[in-house]
C-alpha atoms as a PDB file:
ATOM      1  CA  MET A   1      -0.029   0.053   0.005  1.00  0.00           C
ATOM      2  CA  SER A   2       1.351   3.593  -0.617  1.00  0.00           C
ATOM      3  CA  ALA A   3       1.875   6.228   1.461  1.00  0.00           C
ATOM      4  CA  GLN A   4      -0.606   8.453   0.045  1.00  0.00           C
ATOM      5  CA  THR A   5      -3.312   5.149  -0.274  1.00  0.00           C
ATOM      6  CA  ASN A   6      -2.838   5.206   3.623  1.00  0.00           C
ATOM      7  CA  LEU A   7      -3.417   8.600   3.732  1.00  0.00           C
ATOM      8  CA  GLU A   8      -6.397   8.705   1.585  1.00  0.00           C
ATOM      9  CA  GLN A   9      -7.930   5.953   3.920  1.00  0.00           C
ATOM     10  CA  LEU A  10      -6.886   7.874   7.394  1.00  0.00           C
ATOM     11  CA  LEU A  11      -8.236  11.020   5.742  1.00  0.00           C
ATOM     12  CA  SER A  12     -11.783   9.249   4.443  1.00  0.00           C
ATOM     13  CA  ASP A  13     -13.838  10.041   7.039  1.00  0.00           C
ATOM     14  CA  GLU A  14     -12.644  13.658   7.684  1.00  0.00           C
ATOM     15  CA  THR A  15     -13.844  17.039   6.756  1.00  0.00           C
ATOM     16  CA  LEU A  16     -11.456  18.846   3.814  1.00  0.00           C
ATOM     17  CA  LEU A  17     -12.284  22.338   3.968  1.00  0.00           C
ATOM     18  CA  ALA A  18     -11.132  23.956   0.420  1.00  0.00           C
ATOM     19  CA  LEU A  19      -8.485  26.620   1.209  1.00  0.00           C
ATOM     20  CA  PRO A  20     -11.432  28.958   0.896  1.00  0.00           C
ATOM     21  CA  ASP A  21     -13.385  27.564   3.355  1.00  0.00           C
ATOM     22  CA  ALA A  22     -10.531  27.098   5.842  1.00  0.00           C
ATOM     23  CA  ALA A  23     -10.508  30.875   5.301  1.00  0.00           C
ATOM     24  CA  GLU A  24     -14.042  31.702   6.411  1.00  0.00           C
ATOM     25  CA  ALA A  25     -14.120  28.944   9.304  1.00  0.00           C
ATOM     26  CA  LEU A  26     -10.852  30.617  10.679  1.00  0.00           C
ATOM     27  CA  GLY A  27     -12.315  34.378   9.816  1.00  0.00           C
ATOM     28  CA  VAL A  28      -9.686  35.642   7.930  1.00  0.00           C
ATOM     29  CA  PRO A  29      -9.011  36.261   4.414  1.00  0.00           C
ATOM     30  CA  VAL A  30      -7.782  33.260   1.955  1.00  0.00           C
ATOM     31  CA  THR A  31      -4.606  34.871   1.445  1.00  0.00           C
ATOM     32  CA  LYS A  32      -3.977  34.492   4.937  1.00  0.00           C
ATOM     33  CA  VAL A  33      -4.397  30.342   4.822  1.00  0.00           C
ATOM     34  CA  HIS A  34      -1.728  30.651   2.273  1.00  0.00           C
ATOM     35  CA  ASP A  35       0.234  32.273   4.589  1.00  0.00           C
ATOM     36  CA  TYR A  36      -0.246  29.629   7.615  1.00  0.00           C
ATOM     37  CA  VAL A  37       0.574  27.151   5.127  1.00  0.00           C
ATOM     38  CA  GLY A  38       4.208  29.271   4.027  1.00  0.00           C
ATOM     39  CA  ALA A  39       4.850  29.496   7.444  1.00  0.00           C
ATOM     40  CA  ARG A  40       4.218  25.865   8.440  1.00  0.00           C
ATOM     41  CA  LYS A  41       1.009  26.753  10.910  1.00  0.00           C
ATOM     42  CA  LEU A  42      -0.699  24.861   8.004  1.00  0.00           C
ATOM     43  CA  VAL A  43      -0.656  21.808   5.961  1.00  0.00           C
ATOM     44  CA  VAL A  44      -2.229  20.626   2.837  1.00  0.00           C
ATOM     45  CA  TYR A  45      -3.921  17.426   1.764  1.00  0.00           C
ATOM     46  CA  VAL A  46      -3.479  17.727  -2.518  1.00  0.00           C
ATOM     47  CA  LYS A  47      -6.456  15.197  -3.464  1.00  0.00           C
ATOM     48  CA  ASP A  48      -7.064  15.164  -7.411  1.00  0.00           C
ATOM     49  CA  GLY A  49      -5.070  18.066  -7.663  1.00  0.00           C
ATOM     50  CA  LYS A  50      -6.922  20.363  -5.247  1.00  0.00           C
ATOM     51  CA  LYS A  51      -5.835  21.519  -1.709  1.00  0.00           C
ATOM     52  CA  PHE A  52      -7.325  21.347   1.318  1.00  0.00           C
ATOM     53  CA  ILE A  53      -7.231  21.249   5.130  1.00  0.00           C
ATOM     54  CA  PRO A  54      -8.531  18.811   7.152  1.00  0.00           C
ATOM     55  CA  GLU A  55     -11.320  20.334   9.241  1.00  0.00           C
ATOM     56  CA  ARG A  56      -9.809  19.029  12.261  1.00  0.00           C
ATOM     57  CA  LEU A  57      -6.794  20.991  12.244  1.00  0.00           C
ATOM     58  CA  LEU A  58      -8.277  24.269  13.100  1.00  0.00           C
ATOM     59  CA  GLY A  59      -9.024  24.944  16.365  1.00  0.00           C
ATOM     60  CA  GLU A  60     -12.742  25.898  17.798  1.00  0.00           C
ATOM     61  CA  ASP A  61     -11.507  29.589  17.864  1.00  0.00           C
ATOM     62  CA  GLY A  62      -9.410  29.400  15.091  1.00  0.00           C
ATOM     63  CA  LEU A  63      -5.805  28.589  14.383  1.00  0.00           C
ATOM     64  CA  SER A  64      -4.964  25.535  17.391  1.00  0.00           C
ATOM     65  CA  LYS A  65      -1.159  26.749  18.638  1.00  0.00           C
ATOM     66  CA  PHE A  66      -0.739  23.122  19.288  1.00  0.00           C
ATOM     67  CA  VAL A  67      -1.654  21.605  15.790  1.00  0.00           C
ATOM     68  CA  SER A  68       0.316  24.391  14.753  1.00  0.00           C
ATOM     69  CA  GLY A  69       3.408  23.593  16.996  1.00  0.00           C
ATOM     70  CA  ALA A  70       3.356  20.090  16.127  1.00  0.00           C
ATOM     71  CA  ILE A  71       3.181  20.675  12.579  1.00  0.00           C
ATOM     72  CA  THR A  72       6.245  23.311  12.401  1.00  0.00           C
ATOM     73  CA  VAL A  73       8.192  20.688  14.831  1.00  0.00           C
ATOM     74  CA  LEU A  74       8.004  17.904  12.006  1.00  0.00           C
ATOM     75  CA  SER A  75       8.429  20.292   9.075  1.00  0.00           C
ATOM     76  CA  ASP A  76      11.715  21.760  11.157  1.00  0.00           C
ATOM     77  CA  GLY A  77      12.548  18.134  11.595  1.00  0.00           C
ATOM     78  CA  GLY A  78      12.112  17.322   7.202  1.00  0.00           C
ATOM     79  CA  PHE A  79       8.625  15.860   7.675  1.00  0.00           C
ATOM     80  CA  ASP A  80       6.396  16.448   4.562  1.00  0.00           C
ATOM     81  CA  ASP A  81       2.977  17.142   4.237  1.00  0.00           C
ATOM     82  CA  ASN A  82       1.502  14.138   3.683  1.00  0.00           C
ATOM     83  CA  GLU A  83       4.070  12.428   6.681  1.00  0.00           C
ATOM     84  CA  ILE A  84       2.780  15.356   9.033  1.00  0.00           C
ATOM     85  CA  LEU A  85      -1.085  14.604   8.407  1.00  0.00           C
ATOM     86  CA  ALA A  86       0.133  10.523   8.511  1.00  0.00           C
ATOM     87  CA  PHE A  87       1.706  11.379  11.751  1.00  0.00           C
ATOM     88  CA  LEU A  88      -1.514  13.588  13.262  1.00  0.00           C
ATOM     89  CA  PHE A  89      -4.570  11.518  11.981  1.00  0.00           C
ATOM     90  CA  THR A  90      -2.508   7.753  12.967  1.00  0.00           C
ATOM     91  CA  PRO A  91      -4.362   6.332  15.790  1.00  0.00           C
ATOM     92  CA  ASP A  92      -1.616   5.565  18.625  1.00  0.00           C
ATOM     93  CA  ASP A  93      -2.896   3.179  21.359  1.00  0.00           C
ATOM     94  CA  SER A  94      -0.616   5.094  23.704  1.00  0.00           C
ATOM     95  CA  LEU A  95      -2.190   7.792  23.742  1.00  0.00           C
ATOM     96  CA  PRO A  96      -4.995   6.956  23.207  1.00  0.00           C
ATOM     97  CA  GLY A  97      -6.669   8.417  19.943  1.00  0.00           C
ATOM     98  CA  ARG A  98      -4.942  10.152  17.056  1.00  0.00           C
ATOM     99  CA  PRO A  99      -2.473  12.550  18.055  1.00  0.00           C
ATOM    100  CA  VAL A 100      -4.650  15.390  15.909  1.00  0.00           C
ATOM    101  CA  ASP A 101      -7.238  14.907  18.826  1.00  0.00           C
ATOM    102  CA  ALA A 102      -4.657  14.799  21.694  1.00  0.00           C
ATOM    103  CA  LEU A 103      -3.948  17.809  20.410  1.00  0.00           C
ATOM    104  CA  HIS A 104      -7.248  19.692  20.897  1.00  0.00           C
ATOM    105  CA  GLY A 105      -7.004  17.833  25.037  1.00  0.00           C
ATOM    106  CA  GLN A 106      -4.924  17.326  27.487  1.00  0.00           C
ATOM    107  CA  LYS A 107      -2.704  15.407  25.711  1.00  0.00           C
ATOM    108  CA  ALA A 108      -1.315  18.301  23.914  1.00  0.00           C
ATOM    109  CA  ARG A 109       2.169  18.631  25.093  1.00  0.00           C
ATOM    110  CA  GLU A 110       2.665  15.230  24.730  1.00  0.00           C
ATOM    111  CA  VAL A 111       2.323  15.048  21.328  1.00  0.00           C
ATOM    112  CA  ILE A 112       4.244  18.165  20.759  1.00  0.00           C
ATOM    113  CA  ARG A 113       7.266  15.961  22.623  1.00  0.00           C
ATOM    114  CA  ARG A 114       6.556  13.256  20.378  1.00  0.00           C
ATOM    115  CA  ALA A 115       6.986  15.021  17.540  1.00  0.00           C
ATOM    116  CA  GLN A 116      10.286  16.943  18.859  1.00  0.00           C
ATOM    117  CA  ALA A 117      11.622  13.226  19.412  1.00  0.00           C
ATOM    118  CA  MET A 118      10.833  11.905  15.825  1.00  0.00           C
ATOM    119  CA  ALA A 119      12.448  14.759  13.992  1.00  0.00           C
ATOM    120  CA  PHE A 120      15.372  14.977  15.693  1.00  0.00           C
END
């Protein structure tokens, strides 16, 4: 199974937002979403040649500082967008659950710590 196929399976039940929809959800102009992606605060998932942001990467009140922090750490460690998304959306029994869900809860710092250990 290819990494892309695995990622498609991991994201199959996720709400994927086109960049204008992500901008609306964040309450910012679409150019700001492009800035977030360029600054490695968000990552995009490319499906059928179109860019999407999994809605779960967003916080309740905008950009999640923990999600952005994990993305930045992994990106700085050489992970590409697909590898970052695979890490965030792959269930981990030791958390328990998926890192992306833990980043929105009590285990956020643990996920950041693990991302740092993986990246370096």
